[in-house]
Amino acid sequence: MTEIITHPIQLTTTLLATMDGETQQIDEAFTGTLKQHGDNFLLTYEDPENKGHATVKVAPNALVINRQGEVSTLLRFSLGEREHAHYQIAEGGLAIETETSDFLLEAENEGGKVEVAYTLYINGQYASDNRLTLNWTL
């Protein structure tokens, strides 16, 4: 049986979103917890700007981000797949999908990184090309 290892972490996220030829960059930093079980990682952190919290599940070929707060999202990324996702705000929800074209996971003793390139669709229509990078350090 594989041991579950828990560590406090520093997490940084960078989202590059390209729409109509223009790229916007959003950087955020959080303090959280990492639980590792074999090749799988579970990152949890408080998200004060969203007045909530988030859980990130990282597997060798998949990523799931679940944010709860003023904005609630459930995003799934699987290499080569178009995944249904959920985006909820007070005014209502949006039908969104992510289509993952590139997935990279690097993990070592002192931290790790997952990088996902994906296309975002809203109500079935192309919205943007994105690159999300999550870096964590112990």
N, C-alpha and C. Protein backbone atom coordinates (compact mmCIF):
# COMPACT_ATOMS: atom_id res chain seq x y z
N MET A 1 0.85 -1.18 0.00
CA MET A 1 0.00 0.00 0.00
C MET A 1 0.89 1.24 0.00
N THR A 2 0.56 2.20 -0.88
CA THR A 2 1.36 3.41 -1.02
C THR A 2 1.00 4.41 0.08
N GLU A 3 2.03 5.00 0.66
CA GLU A 3 1.86 5.98 1.73
C GLU A 3 1.36 7.30 1.16
N ILE A 4 0.50 7.99 1.90
CA ILE A 4 0.05 9.33 1.55
C ILE A 4 0.93 10.32 2.30
N ILE A 5 1.60 11.18 1.56
CA ILE A 5 2.52 12.16 2.12
C ILE A 5 1.88 13.53 2.05
N THR A 6 1.89 14.29 3.16
CA THR A 6 1.29 15.62 3.22
C THR A 6 2.36 16.66 3.54
N HIS A 7 2.33 17.78 2.79
CA HIS A 7 3.28 18.88 2.98
C HIS A 7 2.58 20.22 2.82
N PRO A 8 3.00 21.25 3.57
CA PRO A 8 2.57 22.62 3.25
C PRO A 8 3.30 23.06 1.98
N ILE A 9 2.65 23.85 1.16
CA ILE A 9 3.26 24.30 -0.10
C ILE A 9 3.00 25.78 -0.35
N GLN A 10 3.81 26.33 -1.23
CA GLN A 10 3.57 27.61 -1.86
C GLN A 10 3.20 27.29 -3.30
N LEU A 11 2.10 27.85 -3.77
CA LEU A 11 1.59 27.55 -5.10
C LEU A 11 1.49 28.85 -5.89
N THR A 12 2.01 28.84 -7.12
CA THR A 12 1.81 29.97 -8.02
C THR A 12 1.11 29.46 -9.27
N THR A 13 0.22 30.27 -9.80
CA THR A 13 -0.48 29.92 -11.03
C THR A 13 -0.29 31.04 -12.04
N THR A 14 -0.14 30.66 -13.29
CA THR A 14 -0.07 31.63 -14.39
C THR A 14 -1.00 31.15 -15.48
N LEU A 15 -1.90 32.01 -15.88
CA LEU A 15 -2.81 31.72 -16.99
C LEU A 15 -2.52 32.71 -18.10
N LEU A 16 -2.21 32.18 -19.27
CA LEU A 16 -2.07 32.99 -20.49
C LEU A 16 -3.28 32.68 -21.36
N ALA A 17 -4.12 33.67 -21.60
CA ALA A 17 -5.32 33.49 -22.40
C ALA A 17 -5.20 34.35 -23.65
N THR A 18 -5.30 33.72 -24.82
CA THR A 18 -5.18 34.42 -26.09
C THR A 18 -6.54 34.41 -26.80
N MET A 19 -7.03 35.64 -27.06
CA MET A 19 -8.31 35.79 -27.72
C MET A 19 -8.19 36.95 -28.71
N ASP A 20 -8.62 36.73 -29.94
CA ASP A 20 -8.55 37.75 -30.98
C ASP A 20 -7.13 38.30 -31.15
N GLY A 21 -6.13 37.42 -31.02
CA GLY A 21 -4.74 37.81 -31.22
C GLY A 21 -4.09 38.53 -30.07
N GLU A 22 -4.81 38.77 -28.99
CA GLU A 22 -4.26 39.44 -27.82
C GLU A 22 -4.17 38.47 -26.66
N THR A 23 -3.03 38.53 -25.94
CA THR A 23 -2.80 37.63 -24.82
C THR A 23 -2.86 38.40 -23.51
N GLN A 24 -3.61 37.85 -22.57
CA GLN A 24 -3.72 38.40 -21.23
C GLN A 24 -3.07 37.41 -20.28
N GLN A 25 -2.30 37.91 -19.31
CA GLN A 25 -1.64 37.06 -18.32
C GLN A 25 -2.19 37.35 -16.93
N ILE A 26 -2.55 36.29 -16.21
CA ILE A 26 -3.04 36.40 -14.84
C ILE A 26 -2.15 35.54 -13.95
N ASP A 27 -1.49 36.18 -12.98
CA ASP A 27 -0.62 35.48 -12.03
C ASP A 27 -1.24 35.54 -10.65
N GLU A 28 -1.20 34.42 -9.93
CA GLU A 28 -1.70 34.37 -8.56
C GLU A 28 -0.76 33.53 -7.71
N ALA A 29 -0.78 33.76 -6.39
CA ALA A 29 0.05 33.00 -5.46
C ALA A 29 -0.80 32.62 -4.25
N PHE A 30 -0.59 31.39 -3.77
CA PHE A 30 -1.38 30.86 -2.66
C PHE A 30 -0.48 30.05 -1.73
N THR A 31 -0.93 29.90 -0.48
CA THR A 31 -0.33 28.96 0.46
C THR A 31 -1.34 27.84 0.63
N GLY A 32 -0.87 26.60 0.60
CA GLY A 32 -1.80 25.49 0.69
C GLY A 32 -1.16 24.23 1.21
N THR A 33 -1.78 23.11 0.86
CA THR A 33 -1.35 21.79 1.31
C THR A 33 -1.28 20.86 0.11
N LEU A 34 -0.26 20.02 0.11
CA LEU A 34 -0.09 19.00 -0.92
C LEU A 34 -0.19 17.64 -0.27
N LYS A 35 -1.01 16.77 -0.86
CA LYS A 35 -1.04 15.36 -0.47
C LYS A 35 -0.62 14.57 -1.70
N GLN A 36 0.36 13.70 -1.52
CA GLN A 36 0.85 12.88 -2.62
C GLN A 36 0.59 11.42 -2.33
N HIS A 37 0.03 10.75 -3.32
CA HIS A 37 -0.23 9.32 -3.23
C HIS A 37 0.29 8.70 -4.52
N GLY A 38 1.49 8.16 -4.48
CA GLY A 38 2.12 7.63 -5.70
C GLY A 38 2.38 8.74 -6.69
N ASP A 39 1.85 8.60 -7.92
CA ASP A 39 2.03 9.60 -8.97
C ASP A 39 0.91 10.65 -8.99
N ASN A 40 0.02 10.61 -8.01
CA ASN A 40 -1.11 11.54 -7.96
C ASN A 40 -0.90 12.57 -6.85
N PHE A 41 -1.35 13.79 -7.13
CA PHE A 41 -1.18 14.90 -6.21
C PHE A 41 -2.53 15.57 -5.97
N LEU A 42 -2.77 15.98 -4.73
CA LEU A 42 -3.95 16.74 -4.38
C LEU A 42 -3.47 18.02 -3.71
N LEU A 43 -3.75 19.16 -4.34
CA LEU A 43 -3.37 20.46 -3.81
C LEU A 43 -4.63 21.16 -3.34
N THR A 44 -4.62 21.69 -2.13
CA THR A 44 -5.75 22.45 -1.62
C THR A 44 -5.23 23.79 -1.11
N TYR A 45 -6.05 24.83 -1.30
CA TYR A 45 -5.65 26.15 -0.84
C TYR A 45 -6.87 27.04 -0.68
N GLU A 46 -6.72 28.04 0.17
CA GLU A 46 -7.74 29.07 0.34
C GLU A 46 -7.59 30.06 -0.81
N ASP A 47 -8.72 30.57 -1.29
CA ASP A 47 -8.76 31.50 -2.41
C ASP A 47 -9.48 32.77 -1.94
N PRO A 48 -8.78 33.65 -1.18
CA PRO A 48 -9.44 34.80 -0.57
C PRO A 48 -10.09 35.76 -1.56
N GLU A 49 -9.48 35.95 -2.72
CA GLU A 49 -10.06 36.87 -3.70
C GLU A 49 -11.43 36.37 -4.17
N ASN A 50 -11.59 35.06 -4.23
CA ASN A 50 -12.85 34.43 -4.63
C ASN A 50 -13.74 34.12 -3.42
N LYS A 51 -13.25 34.47 -2.22
CA LYS A 51 -13.95 34.19 -0.97
C LYS A 51 -14.32 32.72 -0.85
N GLY A 52 -13.32 31.86 -1.11
CA GLY A 52 -13.57 30.43 -1.05
C GLY A 52 -12.29 29.63 -0.97
N HIS A 53 -12.35 28.44 -1.53
CA HIS A 53 -11.20 27.55 -1.52
C HIS A 53 -11.17 26.76 -2.83
N ALA A 54 -10.05 26.08 -3.05
CA ALA A 54 -9.89 25.31 -4.28
C ALA A 54 -9.19 23.98 -3.99
N THR A 55 -9.51 23.01 -4.83
CA THR A 55 -8.87 21.70 -4.79
C THR A 55 -8.39 21.39 -6.21
N VAL A 56 -7.14 20.97 -6.32
CA VAL A 56 -6.56 20.63 -7.62
C VAL A 56 -6.08 19.19 -7.54
N LYS A 57 -6.61 18.35 -8.43
CA LYS A 57 -6.18 16.95 -8.51
C LYS A 57 -5.30 16.80 -9.75
N VAL A 58 -4.08 16.32 -9.54
CA VAL A 58 -3.13 16.15 -10.62
C VAL A 58 -2.78 14.68 -10.75
N ALA A 59 -2.98 14.13 -11.92
CA ALA A 59 -2.59 12.75 -12.24
C ALA A 59 -1.62 12.82 -13.41
N PRO A 60 -0.96 11.71 -13.74
CA PRO A 60 0.04 11.76 -14.82
C PRO A 60 -0.46 12.33 -16.15
N ASN A 61 -1.75 12.15 -16.49
CA ASN A 61 -2.28 12.66 -17.76
C ASN A 61 -3.57 13.43 -17.61
N ALA A 62 -3.88 13.90 -16.40
CA ALA A 62 -5.14 14.60 -16.20
C ALA A 62 -5.02 15.61 -15.06
N LEU A 63 -5.88 16.62 -15.13
CA LEU A 63 -5.92 17.67 -14.13
C LEU A 63 -7.38 18.04 -13.91
N VAL A 64 -7.78 18.19 -12.65
CA VAL A 64 -9.13 18.64 -12.30
C VAL A 64 -8.98 19.79 -11.31
N ILE A 65 -9.61 20.93 -11.60
CA ILE A 65 -9.59 22.09 -10.72
C ILE A 65 -11.01 22.37 -10.28
N ASN A 66 -11.21 22.38 -8.96
CA ASN A 66 -12.52 22.63 -8.39
C ASN A 66 -12.41 23.83 -7.46
N ARG A 67 -12.99 24.97 -7.88
CA ARG A 67 -12.98 26.19 -7.07
C ARG A 67 -14.38 26.44 -6.55
N GLN A 68 -14.48 26.77 -5.26
CA GLN A 68 -15.75 27.09 -4.64
C GLN A 68 -15.64 28.47 -4.01
N GLY A 69 -16.62 29.31 -4.26
CA GLY A 69 -16.62 30.66 -3.72
C GLY A 69 -17.62 31.50 -4.48
N GLU A 70 -17.33 32.81 -4.62
CA GLU A 70 -18.22 33.67 -5.40
C GLU A 70 -18.35 33.16 -6.82
N VAL A 71 -17.26 32.65 -7.36
CA VAL A 71 -17.26 31.98 -8.65
C VAL A 71 -16.92 30.52 -8.38
N SER A 72 -17.74 29.62 -8.87
CA SER A 72 -17.47 28.19 -8.71
C SER A 72 -17.18 27.60 -10.08
N THR A 73 -16.07 26.88 -10.16
CA THR A 73 -15.70 26.24 -11.41
C THR A 73 -15.29 24.80 -11.16
N LEU A 74 -15.57 23.97 -12.12
CA LEU A 74 -15.07 22.60 -12.13
C LEU A 74 -14.52 22.38 -13.54
N LEU A 75 -13.19 22.41 -13.64
CA LEU A 75 -12.52 22.29 -14.93
C LEU A 75 -11.78 20.96 -14.99
N ARG A 76 -11.93 20.26 -16.11
CA ARG A 76 -11.24 18.99 -16.32
C ARG A 76 -10.36 19.10 -17.56
N PHE A 77 -9.15 18.56 -17.43
CA PHE A 77 -8.20 18.57 -18.54
C PHE A 77 -7.64 17.16 -18.70
N SER A 78 -7.83 16.58 -19.87
CA SER A 78 -7.25 15.28 -20.21
C SER A 78 -6.65 15.40 -21.60
N LEU A 79 -5.40 15.01 -21.74
CA LEU A 79 -4.69 15.16 -23.00
C LEU A 79 -5.47 14.54 -24.16
N GLY A 80 -5.71 15.35 -25.21
CA GLY A 80 -6.40 14.90 -26.40
C GLY A 80 -7.90 14.80 -26.27
N GLU A 81 -8.46 15.22 -25.15
CA GLU A 81 -9.90 15.10 -24.91
C GLU A 81 -10.57 16.46 -24.83
N ARG A 82 -11.84 16.49 -25.21
CA ARG A 82 -12.69 17.67 -25.01
C ARG A 82 -13.62 17.33 -23.85
N GLU A 83 -13.45 18.07 -22.74
CA GLU A 83 -14.14 17.76 -21.49
C GLU A 83 -15.18 18.82 -21.16
N HIS A 84 -16.33 18.38 -20.70
CA HIS A 84 -17.35 19.31 -20.20
C HIS A 84 -16.86 19.88 -18.88
N ALA A 85 -17.17 21.15 -18.64
CA ALA A 85 -16.75 21.82 -17.42
C ALA A 85 -17.92 22.65 -16.90
N HIS A 86 -17.70 23.29 -15.77
CA HIS A 86 -18.78 24.04 -15.13
C HIS A 86 -18.22 25.38 -14.64
N TYR A 87 -18.96 26.45 -14.89
CA TYR A 87 -18.59 27.79 -14.44
C TYR A 87 -19.86 28.44 -13.92
N GLN A 88 -19.89 28.76 -12.63
CA GLN A 88 -21.09 29.29 -12.00
C GLN A 88 -20.78 30.60 -11.29
N ILE A 89 -21.57 31.63 -11.60
CA ILE A 89 -21.51 32.90 -10.87
C ILE A 89 -22.92 33.19 -10.36
N ALA A 90 -23.06 34.23 -9.58
CA ALA A 90 -24.37 34.56 -8.99
C ALA A 90 -25.45 34.72 -10.06
N GLU A 91 -25.08 35.26 -11.22
CA GLU A 91 -26.05 35.52 -12.28
C GLU A 91 -26.46 34.26 -13.04
N GLY A 92 -25.73 33.14 -12.84
CA GLY A 92 -26.08 31.90 -13.53
C GLY A 92 -24.84 31.14 -13.97
N GLY A 93 -25.07 30.06 -14.67
CA GLY A 93 -23.97 29.20 -15.10
C GLY A 93 -23.73 29.28 -16.59
N LEU A 94 -22.54 28.85 -16.98
CA LEU A 94 -22.17 28.78 -18.39
C LEU A 94 -21.79 27.34 -18.73
N ALA A 95 -22.16 26.91 -19.91
CA ALA A 95 -21.73 25.61 -20.41
C ALA A 95 -20.37 25.82 -21.08
N ILE A 96 -19.33 25.28 -20.47
CA ILE A 96 -18.00 25.44 -21.04
C ILE A 96 -17.36 24.07 -21.25
N GLU A 97 -16.38 24.05 -22.14
CA GLU A 97 -15.63 22.84 -22.42
C GLU A 97 -14.16 23.21 -22.57
N THR A 98 -13.29 22.27 -22.21
CA THR A 98 -11.85 22.43 -22.41
C THR A 98 -11.38 21.31 -23.33
N GLU A 99 -10.55 21.66 -24.29
CA GLU A 99 -9.94 20.67 -25.18
C GLU A 99 -8.43 20.80 -25.01
N THR A 100 -7.82 19.77 -24.39
CA THR A 100 -6.42 19.82 -24.00
C THR A 100 -5.53 19.33 -25.14
N SER A 101 -4.57 20.17 -25.54
CA SER A 101 -3.65 19.83 -26.62
C SER A 101 -2.25 19.49 -26.13
N ASP A 102 -1.91 19.90 -24.90
CA ASP A 102 -0.58 19.63 -24.36
C ASP A 102 -0.69 19.50 -22.85
N PHE A 103 0.04 18.53 -22.29
CA PHE A 103 0.00 18.29 -20.85
C PHE A 103 1.39 17.89 -20.40
N LEU A 104 1.92 18.61 -19.40
CA LEU A 104 3.25 18.32 -18.88
C LEU A 104 3.18 18.29 -17.37
N LEU A 105 3.70 17.24 -16.76
CA LEU A 105 3.78 17.12 -15.31
C LEU A 105 5.22 16.80 -14.96
N GLU A 106 5.79 17.64 -14.09
CA GLU A 106 7.14 17.40 -13.57
C GLU A 106 7.04 17.48 -12.06
N ALA A 107 7.53 16.44 -11.37
CA ALA A 107 7.50 16.44 -9.91
C ALA A 107 8.84 15.95 -9.39
N GLU A 108 9.28 16.57 -8.30
CA GLU A 108 10.53 16.18 -7.66
C GLU A 108 10.34 16.34 -6.16
N ASN A 109 11.36 16.09 -5.39
CA ASN A 109 11.26 16.13 -3.93
C ASN A 109 10.88 17.48 -3.37
N GLU A 110 11.30 18.56 -4.01
CA GLU A 110 11.07 19.90 -3.47
C GLU A 110 9.89 20.63 -4.08
N GLY A 111 9.17 19.99 -5.01
CA GLY A 111 8.04 20.66 -5.62
C GLY A 111 7.65 20.02 -6.93
N GLY A 112 6.89 20.77 -7.70
CA GLY A 112 6.44 20.24 -8.98
C GLY A 112 5.79 21.30 -9.83
N LYS A 113 5.45 20.88 -11.05
CA LYS A 113 4.85 21.79 -12.02
C LYS A 113 3.94 20.99 -12.93
N VAL A 114 2.79 21.56 -13.21
CA VAL A 114 1.92 21.01 -14.24
C VAL A 114 1.58 22.15 -15.19
N GLU A 115 1.66 21.86 -16.47
CA GLU A 115 1.37 22.86 -17.50
C GLU A 115 0.40 22.25 -18.50
N VAL A 116 -0.67 23.00 -18.78
CA VAL A 116 -1.72 22.51 -19.66
C VAL A 116 -2.00 23.56 -20.72
N ALA A 117 -1.98 23.15 -21.98
CA ALA A 117 -2.42 24.02 -23.08
C ALA A 117 -3.79 23.51 -23.51
N TYR A 118 -4.74 24.43 -23.62
CA TYR A 118 -6.09 24.00 -23.95
C TYR A 118 -6.85 25.11 -24.68
N THR A 119 -7.89 24.69 -25.38
CA THR A 119 -8.82 25.60 -26.02
C THR A 119 -10.08 25.62 -25.18
N LEU A 120 -10.60 26.80 -24.95
CA LEU A 120 -11.81 26.98 -24.16
C LEU A 120 -12.98 27.26 -25.09
N TYR A 121 -14.09 26.56 -24.85
CA TYR A 121 -15.33 26.77 -25.60
C TYR A 121 -16.42 27.19 -24.62
N ILE A 122 -17.19 28.19 -24.98
CA ILE A 122 -18.32 28.63 -24.17
C ILE A 122 -19.59 28.46 -25.01
N ASN A 123 -20.54 27.74 -24.46
CA ASN A 123 -21.78 27.41 -25.18
C ASN A 123 -21.50 26.84 -26.56
N GLY A 124 -20.47 25.99 -26.64
CA GLY A 124 -20.12 25.31 -27.88
C GLY A 124 -19.30 26.13 -28.86
N GLN A 125 -19.05 27.40 -28.55
CA GLN A 125 -18.32 28.28 -29.45
C GLN A 125 -16.89 28.52 -28.94
N TYR A 126 -15.95 28.59 -29.87
CA TYR A 126 -14.56 28.89 -29.51
C TYR A 126 -14.50 30.19 -28.73
N ALA A 127 -13.74 30.19 -27.61
CA ALA A 127 -13.58 31.40 -26.81
C ALA A 127 -12.13 31.87 -26.77
N SER A 128 -11.18 30.94 -26.49
CA SER A 128 -9.79 31.36 -26.38
C SER A 128 -8.87 30.14 -26.36
N ASP A 129 -7.59 30.43 -26.64
CA ASP A 129 -6.52 29.44 -26.46
C ASP A 129 -5.80 29.82 -25.18
N ASN A 130 -5.50 28.83 -24.35
CA ASN A 130 -4.97 29.11 -23.02
C ASN A 130 -3.80 28.20 -22.67
N ARG A 131 -2.97 28.71 -21.79
CA ARG A 131 -1.88 27.91 -21.21
C ARG A 131 -1.89 28.19 -19.71
N LEU A 132 -2.14 27.15 -18.92
CA LEU A 132 -2.19 27.26 -17.47
C LEU A 132 -0.99 26.54 -16.89
N THR A 133 -0.26 27.22 -16.02
CA THR A 133 0.89 26.63 -15.34
C THR A 133 0.70 26.73 -13.84
N LEU A 134 0.85 25.61 -13.15
CA LEU A 134 0.80 25.55 -11.70
C LEU A 134 2.17 25.09 -11.21
N ASN A 135 2.79 25.88 -10.34
CA ASN A 135 4.08 25.52 -9.74
C ASN A 135 3.91 25.45 -8.24
N TRP A 136 4.40 24.37 -7.63
CA TRP A 136 4.36 24.29 -6.17
C TRP A 136 5.72 23.95 -5.62
N THR A 137 6.03 24.54 -4.46
CA THR A 137 7.27 24.26 -3.77
C THR A 137 6.95 23.94 -2.32
N LEU A 138 7.73 23.01 -1.76
CA LEU A 138 7.54 22.63 -0.36
C LEU A 138 8.16 23.65 0.55
